Amino acid sequence: MRLDKFLKVSRIIKRRTVANEACDTGHASVNGKTAKASQNVNPGDVIEIRFGARTLRVEVLETSESATKAGAEAMYREIR
């Protein structure tokens, strides 16, 4: 699954265009490497997103083309 779509479906970022911009401006990385929006993510990957002064690190648990609100929370777990 594409990184921008995963961020939208998992509800980490509300809109896919915003997720796309975050990737294009270098605010997102996968497994420690700066990632483009089109990069594939798989279970086990670690995504890091920088929101200003805050950094969110999550591990991908599953990928799904669509998810309910409850299902979206099960797609990843936050790493502290």
Protein backbone atom coordinates (compact mmCIF):
# COMPACT_ATOMS: atom_id res chain seq x y z
CA MET A 1 0.00 0.00 0.00
CA ARG A 2 1.25 3.52 -0.79
CA LEU A 3 2.49 5.57 2.15
CA ASP A 4 0.09 8.49 1.55
CA LYS A 5 -2.89 6.15 1.33
CA PHE A 6 -1.87 4.30 4.50
CA LEU A 7 -1.61 7.59 6.41
CA LYS A 8 -5.12 8.54 5.26
CA VAL A 9 -6.83 5.16 5.76
CA SER A 10 -5.27 4.71 9.20
CA ARG A 11 -6.44 8.22 10.08
CA ILE A 12 -2.97 9.39 11.11
CA ILE A 13 -3.46 12.27 8.66
CA LYS A 14 -6.97 13.39 7.82
CA ARG A 15 -6.66 13.99 4.05
CA ARG A 16 -4.61 12.21 1.40
CA THR A 17 -3.48 15.49 -0.18
CA VAL A 18 -2.07 16.60 3.20
CA ALA A 19 -0.33 13.22 3.55
CA ASN A 20 1.08 13.69 0.05
CA GLU A 21 2.44 17.14 0.96
CA ALA A 22 4.00 15.81 4.18
CA CYS A 23 5.87 13.19 2.17
CA ASP A 24 6.92 15.59 -0.60
CA THR A 25 8.35 18.12 1.88
CA GLY A 26 10.48 15.49 3.63
CA HIS A 27 8.46 15.26 6.85
CA ALA A 28 7.88 11.51 6.54
CA SER A 29 10.33 8.63 6.66
CA VAL A 30 9.99 4.85 6.51
CA ASN A 31 12.54 2.70 8.34
CA GLY A 32 14.81 5.72 8.85
CA LYS A 33 14.90 6.81 5.19
CA THR A 34 13.08 9.84 3.78
CA ALA A 35 10.07 8.54 1.88
CA LYS A 36 8.03 9.69 -1.09
CA ALA A 37 4.24 9.39 -1.08
CA SER A 38 4.39 6.50 -3.56
CA GLN A 39 6.63 4.29 -1.39
CA ASN A 40 5.08 0.97 -0.42
CA VAL A 41 4.62 0.20 3.27
CA ASN A 42 4.28 -3.29 4.68
CA PRO A 43 3.56 -4.73 8.12
CA GLY A 44 6.62 -4.29 10.32
CA ASP A 45 7.72 -0.98 8.78
CA VAL A 46 8.33 1.98 11.09
CA ILE A 47 6.94 5.32 9.88
CA GLU A 48 8.13 8.59 11.39
CA ILE A 49 6.23 11.83 10.71
CA ARG A 50 7.33 15.25 11.90
CA PHE A 51 4.53 17.70 12.80
CA GLY A 52 6.39 20.90 13.71
CA ALA A 53 8.11 20.20 17.04
CA ARG A 54 6.32 16.86 17.54
CA THR A 55 7.44 13.60 15.97
CA LEU A 56 5.10 10.63 15.66
CA ARG A 57 6.63 7.14 15.28
CA VAL A 58 4.34 4.23 14.45
CA GLU A 59 4.83 0.61 13.49
CA VAL A 60 2.62 -0.73 10.70
CA LEU A 61 0.68 -3.76 11.94
CA GLU A 62 -1.53 -4.33 8.89
CA THR A 63 -2.51 -2.69 5.63
CA SER A 64 -6.07 -2.46 4.39
CA GLU A 65 -7.64 -0.56 1.49
CA SER A 66 -10.39 0.77 3.76
CA ALA A 67 -11.08 0.78 7.48
CA THR A 68 -13.70 1.85 9.97
CA LYS A 69 -12.74 4.14 12.82
CA ALA A 70 -12.15 1.17 15.14
CA GLY A 71 -10.31 -0.74 12.42
CA ALA A 72 -8.04 2.20 11.66
CA GLU A 73 -6.60 2.16 15.17
CA ALA A 74 -5.67 -1.51 14.74
CA MET A 75 -3.57 -0.78 11.64
CA TYR A 76 -0.65 0.66 13.62
CA ARG A 77 0.80 1.06 17.09
CA GLU A 78 2.59 4.13 18.36
CA ILE A 79 6.24 3.77 19.36
CA ARG A 80 7.54 6.02 22.12
